[in-house]
C-alpha atoms as a PDB file:
ATOM      1  CA  LEU A   1      70.871  75.586  27.333  1.00  0.00           C
ATOM      2  CA  LEU A   2      71.490  75.155  31.048  1.00  0.00           C
ATOM      3  CA  GLY A   3      74.394  77.656  30.940  1.00  0.00           C
ATOM      4  CA  ALA A   4      72.220  80.317  29.276  1.00  0.00           C
ATOM      5  CA  ASP A   5      69.485  79.840  31.931  1.00  0.00           C
ATOM      6  CA  LEU A   6      72.066  80.164  34.697  1.00  0.00           C
ATOM      7  CA  LEU A   7      73.450  83.336  33.129  1.00  0.00           C
ATOM      8  CA  ALA A   8      69.956  84.832  32.828  1.00  0.00           C
ATOM      9  CA  VAL A   9      69.184  84.078  36.488  1.00  0.00           C
ATOM     10  CA  THR A  10      72.530  85.559  37.616  1.00  0.00           C
ATOM     11  CA  VAL A  11      72.018  88.744  35.594  1.00  0.00           C
ATOM     12  CA  ALA A  12      68.428  89.060  36.818  1.00  0.00           C
ATOM     13  CA  TYR A  13      69.600  88.677  40.442  1.00  0.00           C
ATOM     14  CA  GLN A  14      72.302  91.317  39.995  1.00  0.00           C
ATOM     15  CA  ASN A  15      69.851  93.678  38.289  1.00  0.00           C
ATOM     16  CA  ALA A  16      67.261  93.201  41.064  1.00  0.00           C
ATOM     17  CA  LYS A  17      69.912  93.874  43.682  1.00  0.00           C
ATOM     18  CA  MET A  18      71.055  97.008  41.855  1.00  0.00           C
ATOM     19  CA  CYS A  19      67.468  98.221  41.413  1.00  0.00           C
ATOM     20  CA  ALA A  20      66.863  97.855  45.150  1.00  0.00           C
ATOM     21  CA  VAL A  21      69.954  99.933  45.917  1.00  0.00           C
ATOM     22  CA  LEU A  22      68.944 102.623  43.395  1.00  0.00           C
ATOM     23  CA  ALA A  23      65.375 102.713  44.732  1.00  0.00           C
ATOM     24  CA  ALA A  24      66.658 103.187  48.291  1.00  0.00           C
ATOM     25  CA  GLN A  25      68.942 106.000  47.124  1.00  0.00           C
ATOM     26  CA  ARG A  26      66.008 107.720  45.355  1.00  0.00           C
ATOM     27  CA  ARG A  27      63.960 107.572  48.554  1.00  0.00           C
ATOM     28  CA  GLY A  28      66.828 109.316  50.357  1.00  0.00           C
ATOM     29  CA  GLU A  29      67.662 106.377  52.592  1.00  0.00           C
ATOM     30  CA  ASP A  30      71.223 105.761  53.743  1.00  0.00           C
ATOM     31  CA  VAL A  31      72.783 103.101  51.579  1.00  0.00           C
ATOM     32  CA  GLU A  32      76.030 101.500  52.567  1.00  0.00           C
ATOM     33  CA  THR A  33      77.890  99.727  49.824  1.00  0.00           C
ATOM     34  CA  SER A  34      81.256  98.078  50.123  1.00  0.00           C
ATOM     35  CA  LYS A  35      83.481  96.873  47.348  1.00  0.00           C
ATOM     36  CA  LYS A  36      85.013  93.478  47.941  1.00  0.00           C
ATOM     37  CA  TRP A  37      88.749  93.538  47.305  1.00  0.00           C
ATOM     38  CA  ALA A  38      89.886  90.820  44.910  1.00  0.00           C
ATOM     39  CA  ALA A  39      86.437  89.259  44.944  1.00  0.00           C
ATOM     40  CA  GLY A  40      86.057  86.372  42.556  1.00  0.00           C
ATOM     41  CA  GLN A  41      89.777  86.142  41.960  1.00  0.00           C
ATOM     42  CA  ASN A  42      92.300  83.666  43.198  1.00  0.00           C
ATOM     43  CA  LYS A  43      94.330  86.169  45.219  1.00  0.00           C
ATOM     44  CA  GLN A  44      96.220  84.264  47.861  1.00  0.00           C
ATOM     45  CA  HIS A  45      99.414  86.284  47.892  1.00  0.00           C
ATOM     46  CA  PHE A  46      99.426  89.684  49.530  1.00  0.00           C
ATOM     47  CA  ILE A  47     101.899  92.509  49.025  1.00  0.00           C
ATOM     48  CA  THR A  48     104.156  92.753  52.050  1.00  0.00           C
ATOM     49  CA  LYS A  49     104.800  96.510  52.027  1.00  0.00           C
ATOM     50  CA  ASN A  50     101.814  98.631  52.898  1.00  0.00           C
ATOM     51  CA  THR A  51     100.835 101.425  50.524  1.00  0.00           C
ATOM     52  CA  ALA A  52     101.821 104.287  52.832  1.00  0.00           C
ATOM     53  CA  LYS A  53     105.320 102.870  53.075  1.00  0.00           C
ATOM     54  CA  LEU A  54     105.439 102.549  49.282  1.00  0.00           C
ATOM     55  CA  ASP A  55     104.279 106.152  48.895  1.00  0.00           C
ATOM     56  CA  ARG A  56     107.100 107.351  51.163  1.00  0.00           C
ATOM     57  CA  GLU A  57     109.609 105.296  49.196  1.00  0.00           C
ATOM     58  CA  THR A  58     111.482 107.716  46.963  1.00  0.00           C
ATOM     59  CA  GLU A  59     114.459 105.593  45.986  1.00  0.00           C
ATOM     60  CA  GLU A  60     114.292 103.805  42.634  1.00  0.00           C
ATOM     61  CA  LEU A  61     114.735 100.129  43.231  1.00  0.00           C
ATOM     62  CA  HIS A  62     116.682  98.282  40.553  1.00  0.00           C
ATOM     63  CA  HIS A  63     119.044  95.351  40.222  1.00  0.00           C
ATOM     64  CA  ASP A  64     122.776  95.873  39.958  1.00  0.00           C
ATOM     65  CA  ARG A  65     124.151  95.202  36.517  1.00  0.00           C
ATOM     66  CA  VAL A  66     127.480  93.759  35.439  1.00  0.00           C
ATOM     67  CA  PRO A  67     130.042  96.605  35.385  1.00  0.00           C
ATOM     68  CA  LEU A  68     131.219  97.631  31.920  1.00  0.00           C
ATOM     69  CA  GLU A  69     134.806  96.878  33.017  1.00  0.00           C
ATOM     70  CA  VAL A  70     133.846  93.210  33.481  1.00  0.00           C
ATOM     71  CA  GLY A  71     132.136  93.195  30.081  1.00  0.00           C
ATOM     72  CA  LYS A  72     135.322  94.468  28.433  1.00  0.00           C
ATOM     73  CA  VAL A  73     137.422  91.806  30.217  1.00  0.00           C
ATOM     74  CA  ILE A  74     135.044  89.062  29.014  1.00  0.00           C
ATOM     75  CA  GLN A  75     135.221  90.413  25.456  1.00  0.00           C
ATOM     76  CA  GLN A  76     139.028  90.709  25.447  1.00  0.00           C
ATOM     77  CA  GLY A  77     139.491  87.263  27.054  1.00  0.00           C
ATOM     78  CA  ARG A  78     137.116  85.676  24.572  1.00  0.00           C
ATOM     79  CA  GLN A  79     138.782  87.339  21.580  1.00  0.00           C
ATOM     80  CA  SER A  80     142.284  86.437  22.805  1.00  0.00           C
ATOM     81  CA  LYS A  81     141.228  82.766  22.766  1.00  0.00           C
ATOM     82  CA  GLY A  82     139.780  83.235  19.278  1.00  0.00           C
ATOM     83  CA  MET A  83     136.190  82.512  20.380  1.00  0.00           C
ATOM     84  CA  THR A  84     132.968  84.103  19.203  1.00  0.00           C
ATOM     85  CA  GLN A  85     130.150  84.870  21.633  1.00  0.00           C
ATOM     86  CA  LYS A  86     128.417  81.749  20.367  1.00  0.00           C
ATOM     87  CA  ASP A  87     131.536  79.601  20.951  1.00  0.00           C
ATOM     88  CA  LEU A  88     131.886  80.869  24.517  1.00  0.00           C
ATOM     89  CA  ALA A  89     128.178  80.358  25.171  1.00  0.00           C
ATOM     90  CA  THR A  90     128.359  76.782  23.885  1.00  0.00           C
ATOM     91  CA  LYS A  91     131.430  76.081  26.026  1.00  0.00           C
ATOM     92  CA  ILE A  92     129.685  77.207  29.242  1.00  0.00           C
ATOM     93  CA  ASN A  93     126.241  75.788  28.295  1.00  0.00           C
ATOM     94  CA  GLU A  94     124.496  79.156  28.100  1.00  0.00           C
ATOM     95  CA  LYS A  95     122.718  81.015  25.297  1.00  0.00           C
ATOM     96  CA  PRO A  96     124.715  83.468  23.133  1.00  0.00           C
ATOM     97  CA  GLN A  97     122.400  86.265  24.326  1.00  0.00           C
ATOM     98  CA  VAL A  98     123.690  85.715  27.891  1.00  0.00           C
ATOM     99  CA  ILE A  99     127.268  86.412  26.733  1.00  0.00           C
ATOM    100  CA  ALA A 100     126.089  89.463  24.753  1.00  0.00           C
ATOM    101  CA  ASP A 101     124.286  90.798  27.857  1.00  0.00           C
ATOM    102  CA  TYR A 102     127.345  90.283  30.087  1.00  0.00           C
ATOM    103  CA  GLU A 103     129.656  91.979  27.580  1.00  0.00           C
ATOM    104  CA  SER A 104     127.345  94.963  27.147  1.00  0.00           C
ATOM    105  CA  GLY A 105     126.697  95.389  30.884  1.00  0.00           C
ATOM    106  CA  ARG A 106     122.966  94.621  30.636  1.00  0.00           C
ATOM    107  CA  ALA A 107     123.066  91.356  32.601  1.00  0.00           C
ATOM    108  CA  ILE A 108     122.278  90.959  36.283  1.00  0.00           C
ATOM    109  CA  PRO A 109     125.371  89.207  37.668  1.00  0.00           C
ATOM    110  CA  ASN A 110     124.969  85.536  38.503  1.00  0.00           C
ATOM    111  CA  ASN A 111     127.902  83.982  40.372  1.00  0.00           C
ATOM    112  CA  GLN A 112     127.386  80.609  38.711  1.00  0.00           C
ATOM    113  CA  VAL A 113     127.532  82.090  35.193  1.00  0.00           C
ATOM    114  CA  MET A 114     130.431  84.397  36.147  1.00  0.00           C
ATOM    115  CA  GLY A 115     132.379  81.374  37.454  1.00  0.00           C
ATOM    116  CA  LYS A 116     131.803  79.432  34.228  1.00  0.00           C
ATOM    117  CA  ILE A 117     132.933  82.397  32.112  1.00  0.00           C
ATOM    118  CA  GLU A 118     136.018  82.879  34.333  1.00  0.00           C
ATOM    119  CA  ARG A 119     137.072  79.259  33.842  1.00  0.00           C
ATOM    120  CA  ALA A 120     136.394  79.370  30.094  1.00  0.00           C
ATOM    121  CA  ILE A 121     138.465  82.512  29.404  1.00  0.00           C
ATOM    122  CA  GLY A 122     140.985  82.043  32.234  1.00  0.00           C
ATOM    123  CA  LEU A 123     140.538  85.560  33.671  1.00  0.00           C
ATOM    124  CA  LYS A 124     139.118  86.758  36.996  1.00  0.00           C
ATOM    125  CA  LEU A 125     135.828  88.642  36.737  1.00  0.00           C
ATOM    126  CA  ARG A 126     135.019  89.046  40.442  1.00  0.00           C
ATOM    127  CA  GLY A 127     136.785  90.624  43.387  1.00  0.00           C
ATOM    128  CA  LYS A 128     139.718  93.053  43.302  1.00  0.00           C
ATOM    129  CA  ASP A 129     141.831  91.414  40.593  1.00  0.00           C
ATOM    130  CA  ILE A 130     139.385  91.766  37.688  1.00  0.00           C
ATOM    131  CA  GLY A 131     141.196  90.958  34.438  1.00  0.00           C
ATOM    132  CA  LYS A 132     144.094  89.115  36.086  1.00  0.00           C
ATOM    133  CA  PRO A 133     144.798  85.503  35.058  1.00  0.00           C
ATOM    134  CA  LEU A 134     142.837  82.926  37.002  1.00  0.00           C
ATOM    135  CA  GLU A 135     144.938  80.778  39.342  1.00  0.00           C
ATOM    136  CA  THR A 136     144.316  77.179  38.342  1.00  0.00           C
ATOM    137  CA  GLY A 137     145.458  75.375  41.456  1.00  0.00           C
ATOM    138  CA  PRO A 138     144.493  71.845  42.460  1.00  0.00           C
ATOM    139  CA  LYS A 139     140.888  71.451  43.531  1.00  0.00           C
ATOM    140  CA  GLY A 140     140.650  70.624  47.227  1.00  0.00           C
ATOM    141  CA  LYS A 141     137.814  68.267  48.065  1.00  0.00           C
END
């Protein structure tokens, strides 16, 4: 019951305020209204680029994807070891969809995931020697 009374008072206040503005406009008086930006919302984070700069921005911004060449190397390395996408995913503690995305070139490259795949299939996926066997030297710590 209290909530309904509060709602009625709020609506009545807003209506009275609006009626006063409309009455002033009918009388021909100057009425200045301003819209509050993000009023009543929890907006604490602001966009860093200003809108003019965004309007001038013509370049499409997008993330780089895994090259198709790398996807083919992953697929060939996986198949040469007799593994399915699911087997490889299980071995590197990732989901099978991650392997599918890397092989098809849809994934955004992640060095940690790329490193795990490299070690699992024994082929380089980064740098100049893509597809070459991975050197398994002693770990220096």
